[in-house]
Amino acid sequence: MPSLKMEDTDISKSIIILLVILTVVVSILGTWVILEEISQLQTAPVTAQDGTASGRVNIKIIEPGVPTSSSTGKVTFTVING
C-alpha cells in the first residue's frame, strides 16, 4: 500500500485565505441582515396590572389621486370576552 506524503494532503495557502475571507464576508452579511430585521421590529405591548395593554398601531389608507397628509391620534379598544 503506498504511503501518502504530507505534500499530497496539504491544502494550499490560497485556498485557506479564500475560505477565511469567505467566512468573514458571510459573517458580516449575516450580522447586517439580523440587525436590519431587528430594527424593523416593533416593541410588544406592555400589560398593566389591571389587565389593560397599550401599544402602537400604524394604519395608512390612501385613496388614489387624493393628496396625503399626516396626523396623529389616540384610539382605545375595549375587548370583551364572552
C-alpha atoms as a PDB file:
ATOM      1  CA  MET A   1       0.000   0.000   0.000  1.00  0.00           C
ATOM      2  CA  PRO A   2       1.578   3.347  -0.982  1.00  0.00           C
ATOM      3  CA  SER A   3       2.040   5.829   1.818  1.00  0.00           C
ATOM      4  CA  LEU A   4       0.717   9.361   1.431  1.00  0.00           C
ATOM      5  CA  LYS A   5       3.247  12.121   1.691  1.00  0.00           C
ATOM      6  CA  MET A   6       2.484  15.276   3.670  1.00  0.00           C
ATOM      7  CA  GLU A   7       2.662  17.338   0.474  1.00  0.00           C
ATOM      8  CA  ASP A   8      -0.165  15.316  -1.064  1.00  0.00           C
ATOM      9  CA  THR A   9      -2.637  16.095   1.723  1.00  0.00           C
ATOM     10  CA  ASP A  10      -1.802  19.775   2.353  1.00  0.00           C
ATOM     11  CA  ILE A  11      -4.274  22.464   1.366  1.00  0.00           C
ATOM     12  CA  SER A  12      -2.707  25.399  -0.403  1.00  0.00           C
ATOM     13  CA  LYS A  13      -2.408  28.709   1.411  1.00  0.00           C
ATOM     14  CA  SER A  14      -4.504  30.456  -1.211  1.00  0.00           C
ATOM     15  CA  ILE A  15      -7.443  28.084  -0.521  1.00  0.00           C
ATOM     16  CA  ILE A  16      -7.154  28.738   3.222  1.00  0.00           C
ATOM     17  CA  ILE A  17      -7.075  32.510   2.653  1.00  0.00           C
ATOM     18  CA  LEU A  18     -10.080  32.262   0.326  1.00  0.00           C
ATOM     19  CA  LEU A  19     -12.046  30.255   2.918  1.00  0.00           C
ATOM     20  CA  VAL A  20     -11.195  32.733   5.691  1.00  0.00           C
ATOM     21  CA  ILE A  21     -12.257  35.700   3.536  1.00  0.00           C
ATOM     22  CA  LEU A  22     -15.464  33.915   2.554  1.00  0.00           C
ATOM     23  CA  THR A  23     -16.208  33.156   6.215  1.00  0.00           C
ATOM     24  CA  VAL A  24     -15.715  36.798   7.199  1.00  0.00           C
ATOM     25  CA  VAL A  25     -17.939  38.041   4.341  1.00  0.00           C
ATOM     26  CA  VAL A  26     -20.732  35.593   5.216  1.00  0.00           C
ATOM     27  CA  SER A  27     -20.476  36.573   8.892  1.00  0.00           C
ATOM     28  CA  ILE A  28     -20.687  40.291   8.106  1.00  0.00           C
ATOM     29  CA  LEU A  29     -23.635  39.814   5.748  1.00  0.00           C
ATOM     30  CA  GLY A  30     -25.446  37.642   8.296  1.00  0.00           C
ATOM     31  CA  THR A  31     -24.917  40.225  11.035  1.00  0.00           C
ATOM     32  CA  TRP A  32     -26.163  43.010   8.746  1.00  0.00           C
ATOM     33  CA  VAL A  33     -29.326  41.069   7.838  1.00  0.00           C
ATOM     34  CA  ILE A  34     -30.093  40.308  11.504  1.00  0.00           C
ATOM     35  CA  LEU A  35     -29.557  43.941  12.521  1.00  0.00           C
ATOM     36  CA  GLU A  36     -31.878  45.110   9.727  1.00  0.00           C
ATOM     37  CA  GLU A  37     -34.583  42.684  10.883  1.00  0.00           C
ATOM     38  CA  ILE A  38     -34.224  43.805  14.498  1.00  0.00           C
ATOM     39  CA  SER A  39     -34.501  47.476  13.544  1.00  0.00           C
ATOM     40  CA  GLN A  40     -37.863  46.781  11.855  1.00  0.00           C
ATOM     41  CA  LEU A  41     -39.396  45.070  14.893  1.00  0.00           C
ATOM     42  CA  GLN A  42     -41.962  46.895  16.986  1.00  0.00           C
ATOM     43  CA  THR A  43     -41.983  46.609  20.745  1.00  0.00           C
ATOM     44  CA  ALA A  44     -44.552  44.303  22.289  1.00  0.00           C
ATOM     45  CA  PRO A  45     -47.480  45.805  24.202  1.00  0.00           C
ATOM     46  CA  VAL A  46     -46.963  46.328  27.898  1.00  0.00           C
ATOM     47  CA  THR A  47     -49.709  44.845  30.070  1.00  0.00           C
ATOM     48  CA  ALA A  48     -50.556  46.773  33.213  1.00  0.00           C
ATOM     49  CA  GLN A  49     -51.644  45.206  36.496  1.00  0.00           C
ATOM     50  CA  ASP A  50     -55.325  45.891  35.797  1.00  0.00           C
ATOM     51  CA  GLY A  51     -55.184  43.802  32.596  1.00  0.00           C
ATOM     52  CA  THR A  52     -55.060  46.685  30.152  1.00  0.00           C
ATOM     53  CA  ALA A  53     -52.447  46.814  27.444  1.00  0.00           C
ATOM     54  CA  SER A  54     -51.046  49.619  25.399  1.00  0.00           C
ATOM     55  CA  GLY A  55     -49.295  49.578  22.058  1.00  0.00           C
ATOM     56  CA  ARG A  56     -48.811  51.418  18.822  1.00  0.00           C
ATOM     57  CA  VAL A  57     -50.634  50.779  15.574  1.00  0.00           C
ATOM     58  CA  ASN A  58     -49.865  52.392  12.249  1.00  0.00           C
ATOM     59  CA  ILE A  59     -52.630  52.426   9.649  1.00  0.00           C
ATOM     60  CA  LYS A  60     -52.269  54.057   6.274  1.00  0.00           C
ATOM     61  CA  ILE A  61     -55.256  54.269   3.931  1.00  0.00           C
ATOM     62  CA  ILE A  62     -54.578  56.129   0.718  1.00  0.00           C
ATOM     63  CA  GLU A  63     -57.216  56.784  -1.886  1.00  0.00           C
ATOM     64  CA  PRO A  64     -55.973  57.021  -5.454  1.00  0.00           C
ATOM     65  CA  GLY A  65     -55.450  60.581  -6.642  1.00  0.00           C
ATOM     66  CA  VAL A  66     -56.039  62.210  -3.241  1.00  0.00           C
ATOM     67  CA  PRO A  67     -53.181  64.272  -1.756  1.00  0.00           C
ATOM     68  CA  THR A  68     -51.929  62.829   1.510  1.00  0.00           C
ATOM     69  CA  SER A  69     -51.204  64.475   4.832  1.00  0.00           C
ATOM     70  CA  SER A  70     -50.133  63.077   8.164  1.00  0.00           C
ATOM     71  CA  SER A  71     -51.807  63.346  11.549  1.00  0.00           C
ATOM     72  CA  THR A  72     -51.691  61.610  14.907  1.00  0.00           C
ATOM     73  CA  GLY A  73     -54.330  60.494  17.360  1.00  0.00           C
ATOM     74  CA  LYS A  74     -55.208  58.102  20.133  1.00  0.00           C
ATOM     75  CA  VAL A  75     -57.551  55.144  19.729  1.00  0.00           C
ATOM     76  CA  THR A  76     -58.837  52.977  22.571  1.00  0.00           C
ATOM     77  CA  PHE A  77     -60.196  49.459  22.024  1.00  0.00           C
ATOM     78  CA  THR A  78     -62.126  47.511  24.626  1.00  0.00           C
ATOM     79  CA  VAL A  79     -62.162  43.765  24.113  1.00  0.00           C
ATOM     80  CA  ILE A  80     -64.966  41.969  25.904  1.00  0.00           C
ATOM     81  CA  ASN A  81     -64.662  38.214  26.221  1.00  0.00           C
ATOM     82  CA  GLY A  82     -67.944  36.436  26.361  1.00  0.00           C
END
